[in-house]
């Protein structure tokens, strides 16, 4: 059966094939007949997703081996393809992001959950959508998973920061992921089994264009602020130190006492909460008691603190961090220690003080992640089309040509100068929005990050 490369390639026959594969993993001999099928877009421009996401809702008559009658069963699915843009798609293939994500769903989390269940009676499950089907061959990629929205899960609005309750839930789920992967590695050697989760090329994209961001957003923006001349001087003088410290977050070294599997892209859009009815009788994710992590393209092996910074500086406010950071970090650390101990892998030399030292070491990385997310959360990003549509023979031929060209120049695209040029182009709308001051929310976010960094001594050299 031919693997679809885009939404227009999805056929009824392929859906039937894919669901038969899924059902026969559980019940050998199962046979399906499609009764109804609805295919639609799962996202819209401005949502902040770079992949091509399609929603499939279908009903099938399922006949299980040994049973007399078939049963109707509904399937609510999300299908994820590689980004339709050939340049981005080739870059993602170069960084192995598709095989990383597919293997998380098909193997890694299943193994982690089995590992922790055997030792703790399933006390620390890691929740993700159920894996249905996947293929990753060269630049072709398709991943089918459960649509959690059909189970009343939803994301927190990306423009709304998370509250303390939500933040603790996310930190607990990350503590489980980090601790279970750490303990699993001690027993089985994670990277020997899954070598493509090494940091390698992933650090290139996570630190992409930081030099440009520092000059084009930070320095130029502070230069427009009245009475901030001293701050501007400090930020300029600290540039080389801040950038070096940010890059060091991904360097191997003895200082990385605790290494484990990171989600790698932990922010509002990639965290789903089970909705509950609030005091006004409305479904809300603000008081949820269940959580799942999605979108694992940038998962990699590194210091656990990088995940914490990525989440905290993308999805919470400077005000929340000022009032609750110590409480939140202690909560995460206690969870991590509790899980690793119960899994038979107590962590030596990882007191809260040592953990906090590691957290402080990555302060520059966290700060720059926060600045990067300004572009994603700005008004300019809401109309940005990250995953272009395409259909018809002309589109397909042009895409083929662009894909071939992109493969030839992929090594050049991943060079430092090319990434900086790409970043400069991408942030231009956000830069114009920031310098014009037309969106107070964007300006408040950037200024809050800068003042928080100054208060924490990031620019002191």
Protein backbone atom coordinates (compact mmCIF):
# COMPACT_ATOMS: atom_id res chain seq x y z
CA UNK A 1 0.00 0.00 0.00
CA UNK A 2 1.42 3.35 -1.08
CA UNK A 3 2.19 5.66 1.83
CA UNK A 4 0.45 9.06 1.45
CA UNK A 5 2.79 12.04 1.34
CA UNK A 6 0.16 14.75 1.90
CA UNK A 7 -3.49 15.12 2.82
CA UNK A 8 -4.77 14.82 -0.75
CA UNK A 9 -3.13 11.38 -1.01
CA UNK A 10 -5.31 9.92 1.75
CA UNK A 11 -7.73 7.36 0.34
CA UNK A 12 -10.40 5.12 1.82
CA UNK A 13 -8.29 2.10 0.91
CA UNK A 14 -5.29 3.48 2.80
CA UNK A 15 -7.40 4.26 5.88
CA UNK A 16 -8.73 0.70 5.80
CA UNK A 17 -5.19 -0.70 5.42
CA UNK A 18 -3.86 1.45 8.26
CA UNK A 19 -6.67 0.52 10.65
CA UNK A 20 -6.33 -3.17 9.80
CA UNK A 21 -2.63 -2.92 10.70
CA UNK A 22 -3.54 -1.28 14.00
CA UNK A 23 -6.29 -3.72 14.99
CA UNK A 24 -4.18 -6.76 14.11
CA UNK A 25 -1.40 -5.64 16.44
CA UNK A 26 -3.91 -6.20 19.24
CA UNK A 27 -6.26 -8.84 17.82
CA UNK A 28 -4.76 -11.04 15.11
CA UNK A 29 -7.33 -11.90 12.48
CA UNK A 30 -9.43 -8.76 12.89
CA UNK A 31 -11.11 -7.55 9.69
CA UNK A 32 -12.61 -4.10 9.06
CA UNK A 33 -15.08 -2.52 6.69
CA UNK A 34 -15.21 1.27 6.48
CA UNK A 35 -18.77 2.58 6.94
CA UNK A 36 -18.14 6.34 7.08
CA UNK A 37 -15.11 8.57 6.57
CA UNK A 38 -14.52 12.30 7.13
CA UNK A 39 -11.16 13.96 6.39
CA UNK A 40 -10.45 17.59 7.32
CA UNK A 41 -7.70 20.02 8.32
CA UNK A 42 -6.74 19.85 11.99
CA UNK A 43 -5.06 23.27 12.19
CA UNK A 44 -5.28 26.73 10.67
CA UNK A 45 -2.71 29.47 9.95
CA UNK A 46 -1.42 31.09 13.14
CA UNK A 47 -1.88 27.99 15.31
CA UNK A 48 1.90 27.61 15.51
CA UNK A 49 2.30 24.11 14.07
CA UNK A 50 4.92 23.56 11.35
CA UNK A 51 3.73 20.09 10.31
CA UNK A 52 0.77 19.19 8.11
CA UNK A 53 -1.93 17.94 10.49
CA UNK A 54 -5.07 16.21 9.22
CA UNK A 55 -8.09 14.98 11.16
CA UNK A 56 -9.75 11.67 10.30
CA UNK A 57 -13.07 10.63 11.83
CA UNK A 58 -14.26 7.25 10.67
CA UNK A 59 -16.56 4.43 11.67
CA UNK A 60 -15.81 0.84 10.77
CA UNK A 61 -17.47 -2.51 11.21
CA UNK A 62 -14.87 -4.65 12.98
CA UNK A 63 -15.03 -8.43 12.98
CA UNK A 64 -12.75 -10.04 15.57
CA UNK A 65 -11.56 -13.60 15.01
CA UNK A 66 -13.71 -16.08 16.93
CA UNK A 67 -16.74 -13.80 17.20
CA UNK A 68 -19.93 -14.31 15.22
CA UNK A 69 -20.89 -10.69 14.59
CA UNK A 70 -18.99 -7.54 13.70
CA UNK A 71 -19.11 -4.45 15.92
CA UNK A 72 -19.19 -0.82 14.90
CA UNK A 73 -16.21 1.13 16.20
CA UNK A 74 -15.37 4.81 15.86
CA UNK A 75 -11.85 6.12 15.30
CA UNK A 76 -10.89 9.75 15.90
CA UNK A 77 -7.40 10.25 14.55
CA UNK A 78 -4.73 12.83 13.78
CA UNK A 79 -2.49 12.26 10.76
CA UNK A 80 0.81 14.12 10.68
CA UNK A 81 2.89 14.59 7.54
CA UNK A 82 6.23 16.28 7.04
CA UNK A 83 6.06 20.01 6.43
CA UNK A 84 4.88 20.65 2.84
CA UNK A 85 7.65 23.21 2.37
CA UNK A 86 10.52 21.23 0.75
CA UNK A 87 13.27 23.30 2.39
CA UNK A 88 11.89 22.81 5.91
CA UNK A 89 11.15 19.15 5.20
CA UNK A 90 14.74 18.48 4.07
CA UNK A 91 16.12 20.31 7.11
CA UNK A 92 13.92 18.17 9.38
CA UNK A 93 15.14 15.01 7.65
CA UNK A 94 18.74 16.19 8.08
CA UNK A 95 18.11 16.51 11.83
CA UNK A 96 16.25 13.15 12.06
CA UNK A 97 13.27 14.86 13.69
CA UNK A 98 10.69 12.63 12.01
CA UNK A 99 12.22 9.33 13.04
CA UNK A 100 12.69 10.73 16.56
CA UNK A 101 9.00 11.52 16.85
CA UNK A 102 7.74 8.33 15.22
CA UNK A 103 9.87 6.15 17.50
CA UNK A 104 8.67 7.97 20.61
CA UNK A 105 5.12 6.97 19.73
CA UNK A 106 5.82 3.49 18.39
CA UNK A 107 8.46 2.26 20.88
CA UNK A 108 10.06 4.59 23.41
CA UNK A 109 7.16 5.65 25.62
CA UNK A 110 5.70 2.13 25.44
CA UNK A 111 8.97 0.75 26.78
CA UNK A 112 9.23 3.45 29.44
CA UNK A 113 5.68 2.80 30.65
CA UNK A 114 6.23 -0.95 30.74
CA UNK A 115 9.50 -0.43 32.65
CA UNK A 116 7.96 1.80 35.32
CA UNK A 117 4.80 -0.32 35.61
CA UNK A 118 6.79 -3.46 36.37
CA UNK A 119 8.58 -1.77 39.27
CA UNK A 120 6.01 0.64 40.69
CA UNK A 121 2.63 -0.88 39.81
CA UNK A 122 2.20 1.80 37.15
CA UNK A 123 2.60 4.70 39.58
CA UNK A 124 4.33 7.00 37.07
CA UNK A 125 2.79 6.59 33.59
CA UNK A 126 3.81 8.99 30.84
CA UNK A 127 0.73 10.03 28.90
CA UNK A 128 0.80 10.54 25.13
CA UNK A 129 -1.78 9.91 22.39
CA UNK A 130 -2.09 6.26 21.43
CA UNK A 131 0.05 5.24 18.47
CA UNK A 132 -1.94 3.92 15.50
CA UNK A 133 0.39 3.76 12.49
CA UNK A 134 3.57 5.29 11.12
CA UNK A 135 6.11 5.25 8.30
CA UNK A 136 9.37 7.17 7.95
CA UNK A 137 11.29 6.37 4.78
CA UNK A 138 13.80 8.90 3.46
CA UNK A 139 11.87 12.19 3.19
CA UNK A 140 8.45 10.50 3.41
CA UNK A 141 6.81 10.69 6.80
CA UNK A 142 3.36 9.87 8.09
CA UNK A 143 2.32 9.40 11.72
CA UNK A 144 -1.20 8.48 12.82
CA UNK A 145 -2.23 8.85 16.44
CA UNK A 146 -5.28 9.13 18.64
CA UNK A 147 -7.02 12.52 18.54
CA UNK A 148 -7.18 13.41 22.23
CA UNK A 149 -9.64 16.21 21.56
CA UNK A 150 -12.26 13.49 21.08
CA UNK A 151 -11.55 12.55 24.73
CA UNK A 152 -12.14 16.12 25.96
CA UNK A 153 -8.45 17.09 25.98
CA UNK A 154 -7.36 20.48 24.72
CA UNK A 155 -4.37 22.80 24.82
CA UNK A 156 -4.09 25.95 26.85
CA UNK A 157 -4.44 28.94 24.52
CA UNK A 158 -0.90 29.74 23.38
CA UNK A 159 -1.42 33.43 24.19
CA UNK A 160 -2.55 32.67 27.75
CA UNK A 161 0.18 31.81 30.27
CA UNK A 162 -0.35 28.78 32.46
CA UNK A 163 -1.34 29.11 36.09
CA UNK A 164 0.53 27.53 39.02
CA UNK A 165 -1.67 24.43 39.06
CA UNK A 166 -1.10 23.75 35.35
CA UNK A 167 2.62 24.47 35.68
CA UNK A 168 2.97 21.90 38.45
CA UNK A 169 1.14 19.32 36.36
CA UNK A 170 3.54 19.91 33.45
CA UNK A 171 6.58 19.75 35.71
CA UNK A 172 5.36 16.50 37.24
CA UNK A 173 4.93 14.94 33.79
CA UNK A 174 8.42 16.09 32.84
CA UNK A 175 9.85 14.74 36.08
CA UNK A 176 8.36 11.36 35.18
CA UNK A 177 9.78 11.44 31.66
CA UNK A 178 13.21 12.51 32.87
CA UNK A 179 13.35 10.12 35.81
CA UNK A 180 12.01 7.05 33.99
CA UNK A 181 14.39 7.60 31.05
CA UNK A 182 17.30 8.11 33.46
CA UNK A 183 16.53 4.86 35.31
CA UNK A 184 15.85 2.99 32.06
CA UNK A 185 19.23 4.12 30.73
CA UNK A 186 21.03 2.84 33.83
CA UNK A 187 19.59 -0.62 33.22
CA UNK A 188 19.43 -0.91 29.43
CA UNK A 189 21.61 1.84 27.90
CA UNK A 190 19.10 4.07 26.13
CA UNK A 191 21.40 5.60 23.48
CA UNK A 192 22.80 2.21 22.51
CA UNK A 193 19.28 1.14 21.63
CA UNK A 194 18.13 4.49 20.20
CA UNK A 195 21.28 6.31 18.99
CA UNK A 196 19.43 8.93 16.91
CA UNK A 197 18.34 10.71 20.11
CA UNK A 198 21.84 12.06 20.63
CA UNK A 199 21.94 15.86 20.71
CA UNK A 200 24.06 16.24 17.54
CA UNK A 201 22.17 18.28 14.91
CA UNK A 202 19.24 19.11 17.19
CA UNK A 203 21.36 21.68 19.03
CA UNK A 204 21.83 23.51 15.73
CA UNK A 205 18.13 24.24 15.35
CA UNK A 206 17.50 24.93 19.05
CA UNK A 207 20.20 27.59 19.08
CA UNK A 208 19.38 28.79 15.56
CA UNK A 209 20.13 32.45 14.96
CA UNK A 210 20.70 33.44 18.60
CA UNK A 211 23.29 35.99 17.48
CA UNK A 212 20.72 37.60 15.16
CA UNK A 213 18.05 37.60 17.87
CA UNK A 214 20.42 39.29 20.30
CA UNK A 215 21.23 42.09 17.85
CA UNK A 216 17.96 42.47 15.95
CA UNK A 217 15.49 42.15 18.84
CA UNK A 218 17.24 42.72 22.16
CA UNK A 219 19.74 45.45 21.43
CA UNK A 220 17.60 47.36 18.92
CA UNK A 221 14.55 47.19 21.17
CA UNK A 222 16.37 48.35 24.32
CA UNK A 223 17.82 51.17 22.23
CA UNK A 224 14.30 52.54 21.74
CA UNK A 225 13.58 52.68 25.49
CA UNK A 226 14.00 55.99 27.22
CA UNK A 227 16.18 55.93 30.36
CA UNK A 228 17.62 52.45 29.65
CA UNK A 229 21.06 53.55 28.47
CA UNK A 230 22.88 51.74 31.29
CA UNK A 231 20.96 48.55 30.62
CA UNK A 232 21.72 48.82 26.89
CA UNK A 233 25.44 49.12 27.63
CA UNK A 234 25.34 46.04 29.91
CA UNK A 235 23.44 43.97 27.35
CA UNK A 236 25.89 44.88 24.58
CA UNK A 237 28.94 44.10 26.70
CA UNK A 238 27.49 40.78 27.88
CA UNK A 239 26.62 39.50 24.40
CA UNK A 240 29.55 37.13 23.86
CA UNK A 241 29.23 35.68 27.38
CA UNK A 242 25.47 35.18 27.16
CA UNK A 243 25.68 33.50 23.76
CA UNK A 244 28.55 31.23 24.86
CA UNK A 245 26.63 30.17 27.97
CA UNK A 246 23.55 29.44 25.86
CA UNK A 247 25.51 27.26 23.43
CA UNK A 248 27.16 25.42 26.34
CA UNK A 249 23.74 24.04 27.32
CA UNK A 250 24.25 21.43 24.58
CA UNK A 251 27.92 20.65 25.07
CA UNK A 252 29.05 17.33 26.52
CA UNK A 253 30.97 17.59 29.77
CA UNK A 254 31.37 16.36 33.30
CA UNK A 255 29.07 19.14 34.53
CA UNK A 256 26.09 17.28 33.04
CA UNK A 257 25.49 15.10 36.09
CA UNK A 258 22.01 14.03 35.04
CA UNK A 259 21.19 13.27 31.45
CA UNK A 260 17.90 11.88 30.24
CA UNK A 261 15.34 12.06 27.44
CA UNK A 262 13.90 15.54 26.94
CA UNK A 263 10.66 16.43 25.22
CA UNK A 264 12.56 19.25 23.52
CA UNK A 265 9.60 21.43 22.49
CA UNK A 266 7.56 21.80 25.65
CA UNK A 267 5.19 24.75 25.43
CA UNK A 268 1.46 25.55 25.43
CA UNK A 269 0.74 24.06 21.99
CA UNK A 270 2.32 20.70 22.82
CA UNK A 271 0.67 20.07 26.19
CA UNK A 272 -2.91 18.83 26.35
CA UNK A 273 -5.09 18.96 29.47
CA UNK A 274 -8.25 17.01 30.22
CA UNK A 275 -11.04 19.57 30.40
CA UNK A 276 -13.12 19.93 33.54
CA UNK A 277 -16.23 21.96 34.26
CA UNK A 278 -15.32 25.20 36.04
CA UNK A 279 -17.33 27.27 38.51
CA UNK A 280 -19.22 28.94 35.65
CA UNK A 281 -20.27 25.58 34.22
CA UNK A 282 -17.88 25.83 31.25
CA UNK A 283 -15.32 23.26 30.07
CA UNK A 284 -11.85 24.51 31.01
CA UNK A 285 -8.25 23.28 31.04
CA UNK A 286 -7.28 25.61 33.90
CA UNK A 287 -8.28 23.19 36.67
CA UNK A 288 -7.44 19.94 34.87
CA UNK A 289 -6.32 16.76 36.63
CA UNK A 290 -4.98 14.88 33.58
CA UNK A 291 -2.31 15.77 31.04
CA UNK A 292 -0.64 14.45 27.88
CA UNK A 293 2.43 15.54 25.91
CA UNK A 294 2.34 15.75 22.10
CA UNK A 295 4.66 16.77 19.23
CA UNK A 296 7.96 14.99 19.95
CA UNK A 297 9.99 16.08 16.91
CA UNK A 298 12.78 17.72 18.92
CA UNK A 299 13.14 15.12 21.65
CA UNK A 300 16.80 14.44 22.50
CA UNK A 301 19.20 13.33 25.21
CA UNK A 302 20.54 16.12 27.41
CA UNK A 303 20.44 17.77 30.82
CA UNK A 304 16.90 17.79 32.18
CA UNK A 305 17.07 21.49 33.04
CA UNK A 306 16.88 22.47 29.35
CA UNK A 307 13.29 21.14 29.22
CA UNK A 308 12.35 23.15 32.30
CA UNK A 309 13.65 26.40 30.89
CA UNK A 310 12.00 25.76 27.53
CA UNK A 311 8.63 25.28 29.21
CA UNK A 312 8.85 27.94 31.91
CA UNK A 313 10.09 30.70 29.59
CA UNK A 314 7.60 29.93 26.82
CA UNK A 315 4.41 29.25 28.77
CA UNK A 316 4.54 31.14 32.07
CA UNK A 317 4.94 34.82 32.96
CA UNK A 318 7.87 36.57 34.58
CA UNK A 319 5.49 37.46 37.42
CA UNK A 320 4.64 33.80 38.08
CA UNK A 321 8.32 32.84 38.01
CA UNK A 322 9.22 35.64 40.42
CA UNK A 323 6.57 34.57 42.93
CA UNK A 324 6.73 30.77 42.55
CA UNK A 325 9.97 29.65 40.86
CA UNK A 326 11.59 28.23 44.01
CA UNK A 327 8.41 26.35 44.91
CA UNK A 328 8.10 24.97 41.37
CA UNK A 329 11.72 23.85 41.11
CA UNK A 330 11.58 22.15 44.50
CA UNK A 331 8.41 20.37 43.40
CA UNK A 332 10.06 19.10 40.21
CA UNK A 333 13.25 18.03 42.01
CA UNK A 334 11.37 16.13 44.72
CA UNK A 335 9.32 14.32 42.05
CA UNK A 336 12.45 13.40 40.09
CA UNK A 337 14.18 12.01 43.19
CA UNK A 338 11.07 10.11 44.26
CA UNK A 339 10.62 8.43 40.85
CA UNK A 340 14.27 7.48 40.35
CA UNK A 341 14.45 6.05 43.87
CA UNK A 342 11.32 3.94 43.43
CA UNK A 343 12.68 2.69 40.10
CA UNK A 344 15.80 1.42 41.82
CA UNK A 345 18.13 4.09 40.44
CA UNK A 346 18.66 6.63 43.22
CA UNK A 347 20.66 9.59 41.95
CA UNK A 348 24.00 10.24 43.69
CA UNK A 349 25.19 13.81 44.23
CA UNK A 350 21.96 15.43 43.08
CA UNK A 351 20.77 17.46 46.04
CA UNK A 352 18.45 20.36 45.44
CA UNK A 353 21.44 22.70 45.71
CA UNK A 354 23.30 20.80 42.98
CA UNK A 355 20.20 20.75 40.81
CA UNK A 356 19.75 24.49 41.32
CA UNK A 357 23.38 25.09 40.29
CA UNK A 358 22.68 23.26 37.03
CA UNK A 359 19.52 25.32 36.57
CA UNK A 360 21.47 28.55 37.05
CA UNK A 361 24.13 27.36 34.58
CA UNK A 362 21.53 27.29 31.80
CA UNK A 363 20.06 30.72 32.57
CA UNK A 364 21.28 32.20 29.26
CA UNK A 365 19.66 29.37 27.29
CA UNK A 366 16.34 29.91 29.08
CA UNK A 367 16.43 33.65 28.50
CA UNK A 368 17.04 33.27 24.76
CA UNK A 369 14.31 30.62 24.49
CA UNK A 370 11.94 33.18 25.94
CA UNK A 371 13.03 35.79 23.40
CA UNK A 372 12.63 33.30 20.54
CA UNK A 373 9.08 32.58 21.64
CA UNK A 374 8.25 36.25 21.34
CA UNK A 375 8.14 35.67 17.59
CA UNK A 376 5.82 32.69 17.93
CA UNK A 377 3.48 34.54 20.27
CA UNK A 378 3.49 37.90 18.49
CA UNK A 379 0.57 39.21 16.46
CA UNK A 380 2.77 38.95 13.36
CA UNK A 381 2.90 35.16 13.81
CA UNK A 382 -0.86 34.76 13.92
CA UNK A 383 -1.18 35.30 10.15
CA UNK A 384 2.01 33.47 9.26
CA UNK A 385 1.46 30.37 7.14
CA UNK A 386 4.08 27.89 8.35
CA UNK A 387 2.67 24.90 6.48
CA UNK A 388 1.57 25.95 2.99
CA UNK A 389 -1.26 24.15 1.27
CA UNK A 390 -0.76 22.57 -2.09
CA UNK A 391 -2.62 20.45 -4.54
CA UNK A 392 -2.73 19.63 -8.20
CA UNK A 393 -0.14 18.34 -10.65
CA UNK A 394 1.65 21.69 -11.02
CA UNK A 395 2.15 21.98 -7.28
CA UNK A 396 3.44 18.40 -7.09
CA UNK A 397 5.96 18.93 -9.91
CA UNK A 398 7.23 22.20 -8.41
CA UNK A 399 7.53 20.58 -5.00
CA UNK A 400 9.54 17.69 -6.48
CA UNK A 401 11.93 20.15 -8.09
CA UNK A 402 12.29 22.17 -4.90
CA UNK A 403 12.85 18.99 -2.88
CA UNK A 404 15.66 17.82 -5.16
CA UNK A 405 17.29 21.26 -4.99
CA UNK A 406 16.89 21.39 -1.20
CA UNK A 407 18.59 18.00 -0.80
CA UNK A 408 21.56 19.24 -2.79
CA UNK A 409 21.97 22.37 -0.68
CA UNK A 410 20.93 20.87 2.71
CA UNK A 411 24.50 20.89 4.09
CA UNK A 412 24.71 24.60 3.22
CA UNK A 413 21.31 25.33 4.78
CA UNK A 414 22.55 23.95 8.09
CA UNK A 415 25.62 26.18 8.13
CA UNK A 416 25.76 28.98 10.69
CA UNK A 417 25.57 31.83 8.14
CA UNK A 418 22.57 30.30 6.36
CA UNK A 419 20.64 29.77 9.59
CA UNK A 420 21.34 33.35 10.62
CA UNK A 421 20.06 34.66 7.29
CA UNK A 422 16.94 32.51 7.60
CA UNK A 423 16.36 33.69 11.18
CA UNK A 424 16.76 37.33 10.17
CA UNK A 425 14.08 36.93 7.52
CA UNK A 426 11.72 35.05 9.86
CA UNK A 427 11.90 37.56 12.72
CA UNK A 428 11.49 40.68 10.58
CA UNK A 429 7.68 40.94 11.11
CA UNK A 430 8.11 40.47 14.87
CA UNK A 431 10.91 43.03 14.95
CA UNK A 432 8.74 45.60 13.18
CA UNK A 433 5.87 44.88 15.57
CA UNK A 434 8.14 45.20 18.60
CA UNK A 435 9.88 48.40 17.55
CA UNK A 436 6.60 50.05 16.54
CA UNK A 437 5.07 49.33 19.94
CA UNK A 438 1.70 48.61 18.33
CA UNK A 439 1.18 45.40 20.35
CA UNK A 440 1.61 46.13 24.08
CA UNK A 441 1.45 42.40 24.91
CA UNK A 442 4.55 41.68 22.80
CA UNK A 443 6.49 44.61 24.23
CA UNK A 444 5.54 43.69 27.80
CA UNK A 445 6.72 40.11 27.28
CA UNK A 446 10.15 41.16 25.94
CA UNK A 447 10.71 43.87 28.54
CA UNK A 448 9.70 41.48 31.34
CA UNK A 449 12.21 38.89 30.12
CA UNK A 450 14.98 41.50 29.92
CA UNK A 451 14.30 42.93 33.38
CA UNK A 452 14.04 39.44 34.87
CA UNK A 453 17.41 38.54 33.34
CA UNK A 454 18.97 41.75 34.62
CA UNK A 455 17.62 41.16 38.12
CA UNK A 456 19.09 37.64 38.07
CA UNK A 457 22.51 38.97 37.03
CA UNK A 458 22.58 37.48 33.54
CA UNK A 459 24.25 40.57 32.04
CA UNK A 460 26.82 41.00 34.84
CA UNK A 461 30.30 40.18 33.56
